[in-house]
Amino acid sequence: MKALIKRLQAAEKPVARVLVTFVLAAMTARQGVAQTAAAPSAPAQNRRRVVVSIPHRKLALMENGHVKKVYRVAVGAANSPSPSGIFQVKNRLVAPTYYHPGKVIPAGANNPLGTRWIGLSTKGYGIHGTNVESSIGKAASHGCIRMHRKDLEELFADVQVGDEVEIRAAADPETESIFGAAPTESTTEGVVTASATSSVESNGSSTVAALSGEPTQQ
C-alpha cells in the first residue's frame, strides 16, 4: 500500500493526485474506526440493596436486581417492633460499643451488638450481631435486625454507606420470589412504619461515641 501511494504521489497527472488524497482519507477513517472499537467501555455501576422480610425472618443481599446471598435473621419482637420502609446505610462500625440509658457495654463477648454495626437512617436501628445466637430466626430483638456473626461480617464487607435497605412488614410478590412462600403464621405483629421513627445523621466517624445517634436497640 505504501509503495502504491509513493507511485501515485510521483505522478504529475491531477487524477493521480486526487486518487492519492482519496486513499489517504480512507486509511485515516479506518484507523479511527479501529481505535473507537478498541476503546474500553465504561464499567456499569453495581447497584446494591438489602431486602429484609419480617414474615420470612430473612435478609437478602441484592446486586443489580439479582440475589447474591440470603441470610436468616432475627427481627423485632411484638413489644419492640422493627421499622418497615426504605432506609439507607448511614454508618458501618467494627467492634461497636452498646449504649442504652444507664448502660454502656464495650466491644467484647458480652456486647449484644456483636462484632459489627450497620447503622440505618433511622435513629438507633441497624443490622448487627448478637450474643444470643439462638434468637436468629425469631421475632426476638428490640427492633434491630440481628445476624449470626459469620453472616454479619460477610454482609458488612459487601455493603457500603448509601446502600438501600428495604424492610418489608408483609410478604409480597418480590419477597416471595426471593425467599419463597411466606410462613403461614401471623408475623405482622410488632411492626412499626418508617414514619413513626426519626432519622439519624452520622458524621462518618469510626467510633460509636461520635455518632449523633448511637446504637441503642439490639
N, C-alpha and C. Protein backbone atom coordinates (compact mmCIF):
# COMPACT_ATOMS: atom_id res chain seq x y z
N MET A 1 0.84 -1.21 0.00
CA MET A 1 0.00 0.00 0.00
C MET A 1 0.87 1.25 0.00
N LYS A 2 1.94 1.25 0.82
CA LYS A 2 2.83 2.42 0.87
C LYS A 2 3.52 2.65 -0.48
N ALA A 3 3.90 1.52 -1.11
CA ALA A 3 4.57 1.65 -2.41
C ALA A 3 3.61 2.24 -3.44
N LEU A 4 2.36 1.82 -3.37
CA LEU A 4 1.35 2.34 -4.30
C LEU A 4 1.17 3.83 -4.09
N ILE A 5 1.13 4.26 -2.84
CA ILE A 5 0.95 5.68 -2.56
C ILE A 5 2.12 6.49 -3.08
N LYS A 6 3.35 5.96 -2.94
CA LYS A 6 4.53 6.69 -3.44
C LYS A 6 4.48 6.84 -4.95
N ARG A 7 4.04 5.75 -5.64
CA ARG A 7 3.96 5.85 -7.11
C ARG A 7 2.92 6.86 -7.53
N LEU A 8 1.79 6.86 -6.79
CA LEU A 8 0.74 7.81 -7.14
C LEU A 8 1.16 9.25 -6.85
N GLN A 9 1.89 9.43 -5.74
CA GLN A 9 2.35 10.77 -5.40
C GLN A 9 3.35 11.29 -6.42
N ALA A 10 4.12 10.36 -7.03
CA ALA A 10 5.13 10.78 -8.01
C ALA A 10 4.51 11.17 -9.34
N ALA A 11 3.30 10.73 -9.57
CA ALA A 11 2.63 11.04 -10.83
C ALA A 11 2.29 12.52 -10.90
N GLU A 12 2.28 13.08 -12.09
CA GLU A 12 2.03 14.51 -12.26
C GLU A 12 0.58 14.80 -12.65
N LYS A 13 -0.13 13.74 -13.02
CA LYS A 13 -1.49 13.98 -13.51
C LYS A 13 -2.41 14.35 -12.35
N PRO A 14 -3.32 15.27 -12.54
CA PRO A 14 -4.28 15.67 -11.48
C PRO A 14 -5.10 14.50 -11.00
N VAL A 15 -5.46 13.57 -11.90
CA VAL A 15 -6.28 12.43 -11.49
C VAL A 15 -5.54 11.60 -10.45
N ALA A 16 -4.24 11.43 -10.64
CA ALA A 16 -3.45 10.65 -9.69
C ALA A 16 -3.41 11.33 -8.34
N ARG A 17 -3.26 12.66 -8.35
CA ARG A 17 -3.22 13.37 -7.07
C ARG A 17 -4.55 13.25 -6.33
N VAL A 18 -5.65 13.27 -7.03
CA VAL A 18 -6.98 13.10 -6.42
C VAL A 18 -7.10 11.71 -5.82
N LEU A 19 -6.59 10.70 -6.55
CA LEU A 19 -6.65 9.32 -6.07
C LEU A 19 -5.83 9.15 -4.79
N VAL A 20 -4.67 9.80 -4.73
CA VAL A 20 -3.84 9.75 -3.53
C VAL A 20 -4.60 10.31 -2.33
N THR A 21 -5.24 11.45 -2.55
CA THR A 21 -6.00 12.08 -1.47
C THR A 21 -7.11 11.17 -0.98
N PHE A 22 -7.79 10.48 -1.89
CA PHE A 22 -8.88 9.58 -1.53
C PHE A 22 -8.37 8.39 -0.72
N VAL A 23 -7.24 7.81 -1.14
CA VAL A 23 -6.67 6.65 -0.44
C VAL A 23 -6.25 7.03 0.97
N LEU A 24 -5.60 8.19 1.12
CA LEU A 24 -5.17 8.63 2.45
C LEU A 24 -6.38 8.87 3.38
N ALA A 25 -7.43 9.45 2.85
CA ALA A 25 -8.63 9.71 3.66
C ALA A 25 -9.27 8.40 4.10
N ALA A 26 -9.32 7.41 3.21
CA ALA A 26 -9.91 6.12 3.56
C ALA A 26 -9.11 5.43 4.65
N MET A 27 -7.76 5.49 4.55
CA MET A 27 -6.92 4.86 5.57
C MET A 27 -7.10 5.53 6.93
N THR A 28 -7.21 6.85 6.94
CA THR A 28 -7.39 7.58 8.19
C THR A 28 -8.73 7.22 8.83
N ALA A 29 -9.77 7.11 8.02
CA ALA A 29 -11.09 6.75 8.54
C ALA A 29 -11.08 5.36 9.15
N ARG A 30 -10.38 4.40 8.48
CA ARG A 30 -10.31 3.02 9.00
C ARG A 30 -9.58 2.98 10.34
N GLN A 31 -8.51 3.78 10.47
CA GLN A 31 -7.78 3.82 11.74
C GLN A 31 -8.65 4.37 12.86
N GLY A 32 -9.47 5.40 12.53
CA GLY A 32 -10.33 5.99 13.55
C GLY A 32 -11.38 5.00 14.03
N VAL A 33 -11.97 4.22 13.11
CA VAL A 33 -12.96 3.22 13.48
C VAL A 33 -12.35 2.14 14.35
N ALA A 34 -11.13 1.71 14.01
CA ALA A 34 -10.46 0.67 14.78
C ALA A 34 -10.18 1.14 16.20
N GLN A 35 -9.74 2.40 16.35
CA GLN A 35 -9.46 2.93 17.68
C GLN A 35 -10.73 3.04 18.51
N THR A 36 -11.84 3.43 17.86
CA THR A 36 -13.10 3.53 18.58
C THR A 36 -13.59 2.17 19.06
N ALA A 37 -13.43 1.15 18.23
CA ALA A 37 -13.86 -0.19 18.60
C ALA A 37 -13.02 -0.76 19.72
N ALA A 38 -11.74 -0.38 19.76
CA ALA A 38 -10.84 -0.92 20.77
C ALA A 38 -10.97 -0.21 22.11
N ALA A 39 -11.57 0.98 22.12
CA ALA A 39 -11.69 1.74 23.37
C ALA A 39 -12.58 1.00 24.35
N PRO A 40 -12.14 0.81 25.60
CA PRO A 40 -12.94 0.09 26.59
C PRO A 40 -14.17 0.89 26.98
N SER A 41 -15.27 0.19 27.17
CA SER A 41 -16.50 0.86 27.59
C SER A 41 -16.46 1.10 29.09
N ALA A 42 -17.16 2.11 29.55
CA ALA A 42 -17.19 2.43 30.98
C ALA A 42 -17.89 1.31 31.74
N PRO A 43 -17.33 0.88 32.87
CA PRO A 43 -17.95 -0.21 33.63
C PRO A 43 -19.31 0.18 34.17
N ALA A 44 -20.25 -0.76 34.13
CA ALA A 44 -21.59 -0.49 34.65
C ALA A 44 -21.55 -0.36 36.16
N GLN A 45 -22.31 0.57 36.69
CA GLN A 45 -22.34 0.78 38.13
C GLN A 45 -23.06 -0.38 38.82
N ASN A 46 -22.44 -0.89 39.88
CA ASN A 46 -23.01 -2.02 40.61
C ASN A 46 -24.00 -1.49 41.65
N ARG A 47 -25.28 -1.79 41.47
CA ARG A 47 -26.31 -1.31 42.39
C ARG A 47 -26.62 -2.38 43.42
N ARG A 48 -26.36 -2.04 44.68
CA ARG A 48 -26.63 -2.96 45.79
C ARG A 48 -27.83 -2.49 46.59
N ARG A 49 -28.58 -3.44 47.12
CA ARG A 49 -29.61 -3.12 48.09
C ARG A 49 -29.84 -4.35 48.96
N VAL A 50 -30.32 -4.10 50.14
CA VAL A 50 -30.61 -5.17 51.09
C VAL A 50 -32.12 -5.23 51.26
N VAL A 51 -32.68 -6.42 51.20
CA VAL A 51 -34.12 -6.61 51.40
C VAL A 51 -34.31 -7.53 52.60
N VAL A 52 -35.09 -7.05 53.57
CA VAL A 52 -35.40 -7.83 54.77
C VAL A 52 -36.90 -8.12 54.77
N SER A 53 -37.26 -9.38 54.91
CA SER A 53 -38.67 -9.74 55.03
C SER A 53 -38.94 -10.15 56.48
N ILE A 54 -39.76 -9.36 57.16
CA ILE A 54 -40.09 -9.69 58.55
C ILE A 54 -40.86 -11.01 58.64
N PRO A 55 -41.84 -11.27 57.76
CA PRO A 55 -42.54 -12.56 57.86
C PRO A 55 -41.60 -13.76 57.65
N HIS A 56 -40.65 -13.64 56.72
CA HIS A 56 -39.74 -14.75 56.46
C HIS A 56 -38.59 -14.81 57.47
N ARG A 57 -38.35 -13.66 58.15
CA ARG A 57 -37.19 -13.54 59.04
C ARG A 57 -35.91 -13.89 58.31
N LYS A 58 -35.80 -13.26 57.14
CA LYS A 58 -34.63 -13.47 56.30
C LYS A 58 -34.21 -12.15 55.67
N LEU A 59 -32.95 -12.08 55.27
CA LEU A 59 -32.37 -10.90 54.64
C LEU A 59 -31.68 -11.35 53.37
N ALA A 60 -31.84 -10.56 52.30
CA ALA A 60 -31.19 -10.87 51.03
C ALA A 60 -30.32 -9.71 50.60
N LEU A 61 -29.12 -10.01 50.15
CA LEU A 61 -28.26 -9.01 49.52
C LEU A 61 -28.48 -9.11 48.03
N MET A 62 -28.93 -7.99 47.42
CA MET A 62 -29.22 -7.94 46.00
C MET A 62 -28.15 -7.11 45.29
N GLU A 63 -27.75 -7.57 44.13
CA GLU A 63 -26.82 -6.81 43.29
C GLU A 63 -27.34 -6.79 41.87
N ASN A 64 -27.60 -5.59 41.37
CA ASN A 64 -28.12 -5.40 40.02
C ASN A 64 -29.37 -6.23 39.76
N GLY A 65 -30.24 -6.29 40.77
CA GLY A 65 -31.50 -6.98 40.61
C GLY A 65 -31.45 -8.47 40.83
N HIS A 66 -30.28 -9.02 41.14
CA HIS A 66 -30.14 -10.45 41.35
C HIS A 66 -29.78 -10.75 42.81
N VAL A 67 -30.24 -11.89 43.30
CA VAL A 67 -29.95 -12.28 44.67
C VAL A 67 -28.51 -12.81 44.75
N LYS A 68 -27.71 -12.17 45.59
CA LYS A 68 -26.34 -12.63 45.80
C LYS A 68 -26.26 -13.62 46.95
N LYS A 69 -26.98 -13.33 48.05
CA LYS A 69 -26.93 -14.22 49.21
C LYS A 69 -28.16 -13.97 50.08
N VAL A 70 -28.64 -15.04 50.72
CA VAL A 70 -29.77 -14.95 51.64
C VAL A 70 -29.31 -15.40 53.01
N TYR A 71 -29.72 -14.65 54.04
CA TYR A 71 -29.32 -14.96 55.42
C TYR A 71 -30.55 -15.04 56.32
N ARG A 72 -30.51 -15.89 57.32
CA ARG A 72 -31.52 -15.92 58.36
C ARG A 72 -31.22 -14.82 59.37
N VAL A 73 -32.27 -14.16 59.88
CA VAL A 73 -32.09 -13.06 60.82
C VAL A 73 -33.12 -13.14 61.92
N ALA A 74 -32.91 -12.37 62.97
CA ALA A 74 -33.93 -12.13 63.99
C ALA A 74 -34.50 -10.74 63.75
N VAL A 75 -35.79 -10.59 63.96
CA VAL A 75 -36.45 -9.29 63.78
C VAL A 75 -37.05 -8.86 65.12
N GLY A 76 -37.67 -7.69 65.12
CA GLY A 76 -38.20 -7.15 66.36
C GLY A 76 -39.32 -7.98 66.96
N ALA A 77 -39.33 -8.04 68.28
CA ALA A 77 -40.39 -8.74 69.00
C ALA A 77 -41.67 -7.91 68.94
N ALA A 78 -42.78 -8.49 69.38
CA ALA A 78 -44.07 -7.81 69.31
C ALA A 78 -44.09 -6.49 70.07
N ASN A 79 -43.38 -6.45 71.20
CA ASN A 79 -43.38 -5.23 72.00
C ASN A 79 -42.22 -4.30 71.65
N SER A 80 -41.41 -4.68 70.68
CA SER A 80 -40.30 -3.82 70.23
C SER A 80 -40.09 -4.04 68.74
N PRO A 81 -41.03 -3.55 67.94
CA PRO A 81 -41.08 -3.90 66.52
C PRO A 81 -39.93 -3.32 65.69
N SER A 82 -39.63 -4.02 64.61
CA SER A 82 -38.68 -3.50 63.62
C SER A 82 -39.38 -2.45 62.76
N PRO A 83 -38.69 -1.39 62.38
CA PRO A 83 -39.30 -0.41 61.47
C PRO A 83 -39.42 -1.00 60.08
N SER A 84 -40.46 -0.64 59.36
CA SER A 84 -40.60 -1.08 57.97
C SER A 84 -40.53 0.14 57.07
N GLY A 85 -39.99 -0.05 55.88
CA GLY A 85 -39.84 1.05 54.94
C GLY A 85 -38.53 0.96 54.20
N ILE A 86 -38.17 2.05 53.57
CA ILE A 86 -36.93 2.12 52.80
C ILE A 86 -35.95 3.03 53.52
N PHE A 87 -34.77 2.53 53.80
CA PHE A 87 -33.75 3.26 54.53
C PHE A 87 -32.44 3.22 53.75
N GLN A 88 -31.44 3.89 54.29
CA GLN A 88 -30.10 3.83 53.73
C GLN A 88 -29.11 3.45 54.82
N VAL A 89 -28.01 2.84 54.39
CA VAL A 89 -26.92 2.58 55.33
C VAL A 89 -26.25 3.92 55.62
N LYS A 90 -26.20 4.30 56.90
CA LYS A 90 -25.63 5.60 57.29
C LYS A 90 -24.23 5.48 57.89
N ASN A 91 -23.92 4.34 58.48
CA ASN A 91 -22.59 4.16 59.04
C ASN A 91 -22.28 2.68 59.19
N ARG A 92 -21.00 2.37 59.26
CA ARG A 92 -20.53 0.99 59.40
C ARG A 92 -19.45 1.00 60.48
N LEU A 93 -19.64 0.21 61.52
CA LEU A 93 -18.70 0.22 62.63
C LEU A 93 -18.21 -1.19 62.95
N VAL A 94 -16.92 -1.27 63.22
CA VAL A 94 -16.31 -2.50 63.69
C VAL A 94 -16.17 -2.43 65.21
N ALA A 95 -16.46 -3.51 65.89
CA ALA A 95 -16.39 -3.58 67.35
C ALA A 95 -17.15 -2.42 67.99
N PRO A 96 -18.46 -2.31 67.75
CA PRO A 96 -19.23 -1.18 68.27
C PRO A 96 -19.43 -1.27 69.79
N THR A 97 -19.64 -0.11 70.39
CA THR A 97 -20.00 -0.02 71.80
C THR A 97 -21.51 0.11 71.91
N TYR A 98 -22.11 -0.63 72.84
CA TYR A 98 -23.56 -0.61 73.02
C TYR A 98 -23.94 0.45 74.04
N TYR A 99 -24.85 1.33 73.64
CA TYR A 99 -25.34 2.40 74.52
C TYR A 99 -26.82 2.20 74.80
N HIS A 100 -27.20 2.30 76.05
CA HIS A 100 -28.59 2.25 76.47
C HIS A 100 -28.69 3.10 77.73
N PRO A 101 -29.82 3.74 77.98
CA PRO A 101 -29.92 4.57 79.19
C PRO A 101 -29.43 3.82 80.43
N GLY A 102 -28.40 4.37 81.05
CA GLY A 102 -27.85 3.78 82.26
C GLY A 102 -26.94 2.60 82.02
N LYS A 103 -26.62 2.31 80.76
CA LYS A 103 -25.80 1.14 80.47
C LYS A 103 -24.90 1.40 79.26
N VAL A 104 -23.62 1.09 79.39
CA VAL A 104 -22.65 1.15 78.30
C VAL A 104 -21.87 -0.15 78.31
N ILE A 105 -21.89 -0.89 77.20
CA ILE A 105 -21.18 -2.17 77.12
C ILE A 105 -20.14 -2.07 76.02
N PRO A 106 -18.87 -2.16 76.36
CA PRO A 106 -17.82 -2.08 75.34
C PRO A 106 -17.81 -3.31 74.45
N ALA A 107 -17.03 -3.25 73.37
CA ALA A 107 -16.90 -4.38 72.46
C ALA A 107 -16.40 -5.60 73.22
N GLY A 108 -16.90 -6.76 72.84
CA GLY A 108 -16.48 -7.99 73.51
C GLY A 108 -17.58 -9.03 73.46
N ALA A 109 -17.33 -10.16 74.12
CA ALA A 109 -18.26 -11.29 74.07
C ALA A 109 -19.63 -10.97 74.64
N ASN A 110 -19.70 -10.03 75.57
CA ASN A 110 -20.98 -9.70 76.21
C ASN A 110 -21.73 -8.58 75.51
N ASN A 111 -21.16 -8.05 74.44
CA ASN A 111 -21.81 -6.95 73.74
C ASN A 111 -22.97 -7.48 72.89
N PRO A 112 -24.19 -7.00 73.12
CA PRO A 112 -25.36 -7.51 72.38
C PRO A 112 -25.36 -7.15 70.90
N LEU A 113 -24.45 -6.25 70.49
CA LEU A 113 -24.38 -5.87 69.08
C LEU A 113 -23.45 -6.76 68.27
N GLY A 114 -22.69 -7.61 68.94
CA GLY A 114 -21.75 -8.45 68.22
C GLY A 114 -20.53 -7.67 67.74
N THR A 115 -19.97 -8.10 66.62
CA THR A 115 -18.70 -7.54 66.14
C THR A 115 -18.86 -6.42 65.12
N ARG A 116 -20.06 -6.23 64.60
CA ARG A 116 -20.26 -5.22 63.55
C ARG A 116 -21.60 -4.52 63.76
N TRP A 117 -21.64 -3.25 63.31
CA TRP A 117 -22.87 -2.45 63.33
C TRP A 117 -23.03 -1.80 61.97
N ILE A 118 -24.18 -2.05 61.33
CA ILE A 118 -24.54 -1.39 60.08
C ILE A 118 -25.72 -0.49 60.40
N GLY A 119 -25.44 0.80 60.62
CA GLY A 119 -26.48 1.72 61.05
C GLY A 119 -27.38 2.16 59.93
N LEU A 120 -28.67 2.27 60.22
CA LEU A 120 -29.65 2.70 59.22
C LEU A 120 -30.04 4.16 59.45
N SER A 121 -30.73 4.71 58.47
CA SER A 121 -31.14 6.11 58.53
C SER A 121 -32.39 6.29 59.39
N THR A 122 -32.45 5.58 60.47
CA THR A 122 -33.50 5.71 61.48
C THR A 122 -32.82 5.56 62.82
N LYS A 123 -32.95 6.54 63.68
CA LYS A 123 -32.16 6.62 64.90
C LYS A 123 -32.20 5.36 65.75
N GLY A 124 -31.02 4.84 66.06
CA GLY A 124 -30.89 3.71 66.96
C GLY A 124 -31.12 2.35 66.33
N TYR A 125 -31.50 2.28 65.06
CA TYR A 125 -31.78 0.99 64.42
C TYR A 125 -30.68 0.62 63.44
N GLY A 126 -30.41 -0.68 63.36
CA GLY A 126 -29.39 -1.13 62.43
C GLY A 126 -29.42 -2.64 62.27
N ILE A 127 -28.43 -3.11 61.55
CA ILE A 127 -28.21 -4.55 61.36
C ILE A 127 -26.93 -4.88 62.13
N HIS A 128 -26.99 -5.88 62.99
CA HIS A 128 -25.82 -6.16 63.83
C HIS A 128 -25.80 -7.62 64.25
N GLY A 129 -24.80 -7.98 65.02
CA GLY A 129 -24.67 -9.34 65.51
C GLY A 129 -25.45 -9.53 66.80
N THR A 130 -25.09 -10.53 67.55
CA THR A 130 -25.81 -10.81 68.80
C THR A 130 -24.96 -11.69 69.71
N ASN A 131 -25.22 -11.61 71.00
CA ASN A 131 -24.60 -12.53 71.95
C ASN A 131 -25.59 -13.63 72.35
N VAL A 132 -26.72 -13.68 71.62
CA VAL A 132 -27.71 -14.74 71.83
C VAL A 132 -27.99 -15.36 70.46
N GLU A 133 -27.13 -16.25 70.04
CA GLU A 133 -27.23 -16.83 68.70
C GLU A 133 -28.55 -17.57 68.49
N SER A 134 -29.12 -18.11 69.53
CA SER A 134 -30.36 -18.87 69.41
C SER A 134 -31.55 -18.01 69.02
N SER A 135 -31.39 -16.68 69.08
CA SER A 135 -32.51 -15.79 68.71
C SER A 135 -32.68 -15.66 67.21
N ILE A 136 -31.67 -16.05 66.43
CA ILE A 136 -31.75 -15.89 64.98
C ILE A 136 -32.88 -16.76 64.43
N GLY A 137 -33.69 -16.17 63.57
CA GLY A 137 -34.84 -16.86 63.01
C GLY A 137 -36.12 -16.59 63.78
N LYS A 138 -36.03 -15.74 64.81
CA LYS A 138 -37.19 -15.47 65.66
C LYS A 138 -37.50 -13.98 65.68
N ALA A 139 -38.69 -13.64 66.17
CA ALA A 139 -39.06 -12.24 66.43
C ALA A 139 -38.64 -11.97 67.86
N ALA A 140 -37.39 -11.58 68.05
CA ALA A 140 -36.82 -11.54 69.40
C ALA A 140 -36.02 -10.30 69.73
N SER A 141 -35.77 -9.43 68.76
CA SER A 141 -34.90 -8.29 69.02
C SER A 141 -35.67 -7.10 69.56
N HIS A 142 -34.93 -6.05 69.89
CA HIS A 142 -35.55 -4.80 70.34
C HIS A 142 -35.91 -3.89 69.16
N GLY A 143 -35.89 -4.45 67.96
CA GLY A 143 -36.26 -3.69 66.77
C GLY A 143 -35.23 -3.78 65.66
N CYS A 144 -33.99 -4.06 66.01
CA CYS A 144 -32.95 -4.17 65.00
C CYS A 144 -33.02 -5.52 64.29
N ILE A 145 -32.19 -5.66 63.29
CA ILE A 145 -32.06 -6.92 62.56
C ILE A 145 -30.78 -7.60 63.05
N ARG A 146 -30.93 -8.76 63.67
CA ARG A 146 -29.78 -9.50 64.20
C ARG A 146 -29.33 -10.57 63.20
N MET A 147 -28.03 -10.83 63.19
CA MET A 147 -27.48 -11.86 62.31
C MET A 147 -26.44 -12.68 63.06
N HIS A 148 -26.20 -13.90 62.56
CA HIS A 148 -25.08 -14.69 63.06
C HIS A 148 -23.79 -13.95 62.75
N ARG A 149 -22.80 -14.14 63.58
CA ARG A 149 -21.55 -13.40 63.44
C ARG A 149 -20.92 -13.56 62.05
N LYS A 150 -20.78 -14.78 61.59
CA LYS A 150 -20.15 -15.01 60.29
C LYS A 150 -20.94 -14.35 59.18
N ASP A 151 -22.26 -14.48 59.22
CA ASP A 151 -23.11 -13.87 58.19
C ASP A 151 -22.99 -12.35 58.21
N LEU A 152 -23.00 -11.79 59.41
CA LEU A 152 -22.91 -10.33 59.55
C LEU A 152 -21.60 -9.81 58.98
N GLU A 153 -20.51 -10.45 59.33
CA GLU A 153 -19.21 -9.98 58.86
C GLU A 153 -19.08 -10.10 57.35
N GLU A 154 -19.74 -11.10 56.77
CA GLU A 154 -19.75 -11.24 55.31
C GLU A 154 -20.56 -10.12 54.68
N LEU A 155 -21.74 -9.85 55.23
CA LEU A 155 -22.58 -8.76 54.71
C LEU A 155 -21.88 -7.42 54.89
N PHE A 156 -21.27 -7.21 56.03
CA PHE A 156 -20.58 -5.96 56.34
C PHE A 156 -19.53 -5.65 55.28
N ALA A 157 -18.83 -6.68 54.81
CA ALA A 157 -17.78 -6.47 53.81
C ALA A 157 -18.35 -6.08 52.46
N ASP A 158 -19.63 -6.41 52.21
CA ASP A 158 -20.23 -6.14 50.91
C ASP A 158 -20.95 -4.79 50.83
N VAL A 159 -21.60 -4.37 51.91
CA VAL A 159 -22.40 -3.14 51.84
C VAL A 159 -21.56 -1.91 52.13
N GLN A 160 -22.03 -0.78 51.61
CA GLN A 160 -21.34 0.49 51.80
C GLN A 160 -22.34 1.56 52.24
N VAL A 161 -21.84 2.63 52.81
CA VAL A 161 -22.69 3.75 53.19
C VAL A 161 -23.43 4.25 51.95
N GLY A 162 -24.72 4.46 52.10
CA GLY A 162 -25.54 4.91 50.98
C GLY A 162 -26.35 3.80 50.34
N ASP A 163 -25.99 2.54 50.58
CA ASP A 163 -26.76 1.44 50.02
C ASP A 163 -28.18 1.43 50.60
N GLU A 164 -29.11 0.99 49.81
CA GLU A 164 -30.52 0.98 50.20
C GLU A 164 -30.86 -0.27 51.00
N VAL A 165 -31.66 -0.09 52.04
CA VAL A 165 -32.14 -1.21 52.85
C VAL A 165 -33.66 -1.13 52.91
N GLU A 166 -34.33 -2.17 52.45
CA GLU A 166 -35.79 -2.23 52.48
C GLU A 166 -36.22 -3.27 53.51
N ILE A 167 -37.03 -2.86 54.46
CA ILE A 167 -37.57 -3.79 55.44
C ILE A 167 -39.06 -3.91 55.18
N ARG A 168 -39.49 -5.10 54.80
CA ARG A 168 -40.89 -5.34 54.42
C ARG A 168 -41.64 -5.97 55.58
N ALA A 169 -42.76 -5.36 55.96
CA ALA A 169 -43.56 -5.85 57.07
C ALA A 169 -44.46 -7.01 56.67
N ALA A 170 -44.75 -7.12 55.40
CA ALA A 170 -45.63 -8.19 54.92
C ALA A 170 -45.06 -8.79 53.65
N ALA A 171 -45.41 -10.02 53.40
CA ALA A 171 -44.96 -10.70 52.20
C ALA A 171 -45.58 -10.05 50.96
N ASP A 172 -44.83 -10.04 49.87
CA ASP A 172 -45.33 -9.51 48.61
C ASP A 172 -44.68 -10.33 47.49
N PRO A 173 -45.07 -10.10 46.24
CA PRO A 173 -44.51 -10.92 45.16
C PRO A 173 -42.98 -10.92 45.11
N GLU A 174 -42.35 -9.76 45.39
CA GLU A 174 -40.89 -9.74 45.33
C GLU A 174 -40.27 -10.56 46.45
N THR A 175 -40.75 -10.39 47.68
CA THR A 175 -40.16 -11.16 48.77
C THR A 175 -40.39 -12.66 48.58
N GLU A 176 -41.54 -13.03 48.03
CA GLU A 176 -41.80 -14.45 47.80
C GLU A 176 -40.93 -15.00 46.67
N SER A 177 -40.59 -14.15 45.70
CA SER A 177 -39.69 -14.60 44.64
C SER A 177 -38.26 -14.76 45.17
N ILE A 178 -37.93 -14.02 46.23
CA ILE A 178 -36.58 -14.10 46.81
C ILE A 178 -36.49 -15.21 47.85
N PHE A 179 -37.48 -15.24 48.75
CA PHE A 179 -37.39 -16.12 49.92
C PHE A 179 -38.31 -17.34 49.86
N GLY A 180 -39.22 -17.37 48.90
CA GLY A 180 -40.18 -18.45 48.84
C GLY A 180 -41.50 -18.04 49.46
N ALA A 181 -42.41 -18.99 49.56
CA ALA A 181 -43.73 -18.70 50.11
C ALA A 181 -43.61 -18.22 51.55
N ALA A 182 -44.47 -17.28 51.90
CA ALA A 182 -44.44 -16.72 53.26
C ALA A 182 -44.93 -17.74 54.26
N PRO A 183 -44.39 -17.71 55.48
CA PRO A 183 -44.88 -18.61 56.53
C PRO A 183 -46.37 -18.39 56.77
N THR A 184 -47.05 -19.43 57.20
CA THR A 184 -48.49 -19.34 57.41
C THR A 184 -48.84 -18.64 58.70
N GLU A 185 -47.93 -18.63 59.68
CA GLU A 185 -48.22 -17.99 60.95
C GLU A 185 -48.29 -16.48 60.78
N SER A 186 -49.00 -15.83 61.66
CA SER A 186 -49.11 -14.37 61.62
C SER A 186 -47.80 -13.76 62.10
N THR A 187 -47.17 -12.99 61.22
CA THR A 187 -45.88 -12.40 61.57
C THR A 187 -45.88 -10.89 61.42
N THR A 188 -47.05 -10.30 61.31
CA THR A 188 -47.11 -8.85 61.13
C THR A 188 -47.21 -8.11 62.45
N GLU A 189 -47.29 -8.84 63.55
CA GLU A 189 -47.35 -8.17 64.84
C GLU A 189 -46.01 -7.54 65.16
N GLY A 190 -46.04 -6.43 65.86
CA GLY A 190 -44.80 -5.82 66.30
C GLY A 190 -44.05 -5.12 65.20
N VAL A 191 -44.76 -4.53 64.24
CA VAL A 191 -44.12 -3.82 63.15
C VAL A 191 -44.55 -2.37 63.19
N VAL A 192 -43.61 -1.47 63.05
CA VAL A 192 -43.93 -0.04 63.03
C VAL A 192 -43.40 0.53 61.73
N THR A 193 -44.14 1.46 61.14
CA THR A 193 -43.74 2.02 59.86
C THR A 193 -42.59 2.99 60.04
N ALA A 194 -41.89 3.25 58.92
CA ALA A 194 -40.73 4.13 58.98
C ALA A 194 -41.09 5.53 59.44
N SER A 195 -42.32 5.98 59.13
CA SER A 195 -42.71 7.34 59.50
C SER A 195 -42.82 7.53 61.00
N ALA A 196 -42.91 6.42 61.74
CA ALA A 196 -43.05 6.51 63.19
C ALA A 196 -41.72 6.62 63.90
N THR A 197 -40.64 6.60 63.13
CA THR A 197 -39.30 6.71 63.71
C THR A 197 -38.62 7.94 63.16
N SER A 198 -37.64 8.45 63.87
CA SER A 198 -36.94 9.65 63.44
C SER A 198 -35.63 9.30 62.76
N SER A 199 -35.14 10.21 61.94
CA SER A 199 -33.90 9.98 61.20
C SER A 199 -32.69 10.29 62.05
N VAL A 200 -31.56 9.70 61.65
CA VAL A 200 -30.30 9.95 62.33
C VAL A 200 -29.26 10.34 61.30
N GLU A 201 -28.42 11.25 61.66
CA GLU A 201 -27.35 11.67 60.77
C GLU A 201 -26.02 11.27 61.39
N SER A 202 -25.13 10.76 60.55
CA SER A 202 -23.82 10.33 61.03
C SER A 202 -22.75 11.21 60.42
N ASN A 203 -21.71 11.51 61.21
CA ASN A 203 -20.60 12.28 60.68
C ASN A 203 -19.54 11.39 60.07
N GLY A 204 -19.84 10.09 59.96
CA GLY A 204 -18.92 9.18 59.32
C GLY A 204 -17.79 8.72 60.20
N SER A 205 -17.83 9.03 61.49
CA SER A 205 -16.76 8.63 62.39
C SER A 205 -16.74 7.13 62.56
N SER A 206 -15.58 6.59 62.90
CA SER A 206 -15.44 5.14 63.07
C SER A 206 -15.75 4.70 64.50
N THR A 207 -16.14 5.63 65.35
CA THR A 207 -16.47 5.27 66.73
C THR A 207 -17.92 5.58 67.02
N VAL A 208 -18.57 4.71 67.77
CA VAL A 208 -19.98 4.91 68.07
C VAL A 208 -20.20 6.19 68.86
N ALA A 209 -19.30 6.51 69.75
CA ALA A 209 -19.47 7.67 70.61
C ALA A 209 -19.58 8.96 69.85
N ALA A 210 -19.01 8.99 68.62
CA ALA A 210 -19.04 10.21 67.82
C ALA A 210 -20.31 10.36 67.01
N LEU A 211 -21.17 9.34 67.02
CA LEU A 211 -22.38 9.41 66.25
C LEU A 211 -23.42 10.29 66.91
N SER A 212 -24.25 10.92 66.07
CA SER A 212 -25.33 11.72 66.65
C SER A 212 -26.44 10.84 67.17
N GLY A 213 -26.51 9.59 66.69
CA GLY A 213 -27.46 8.62 67.22
C GLY A 213 -26.77 7.30 67.45
N GLU A 214 -26.46 6.96 68.68
CA GLU A 214 -25.72 5.74 68.96
C GLU A 214 -26.62 4.53 68.84
N PRO A 215 -26.03 3.35 68.59
CA PRO A 215 -26.83 2.12 68.58
C PRO A 215 -27.43 1.88 69.97
N THR A 216 -28.75 1.87 70.04
CA THR A 216 -29.38 1.66 71.34
C THR A 216 -30.33 0.47 71.32
N GLN A 217 -30.71 0.01 70.12
CA GLN A 217 -31.56 -1.18 70.05
C GLN A 217 -30.66 -2.40 69.93
N GLN A 218 -31.27 -3.59 70.02
CA GLN A 218 -30.47 -4.80 69.80
C GLN A 218 -31.28 -5.92 69.23
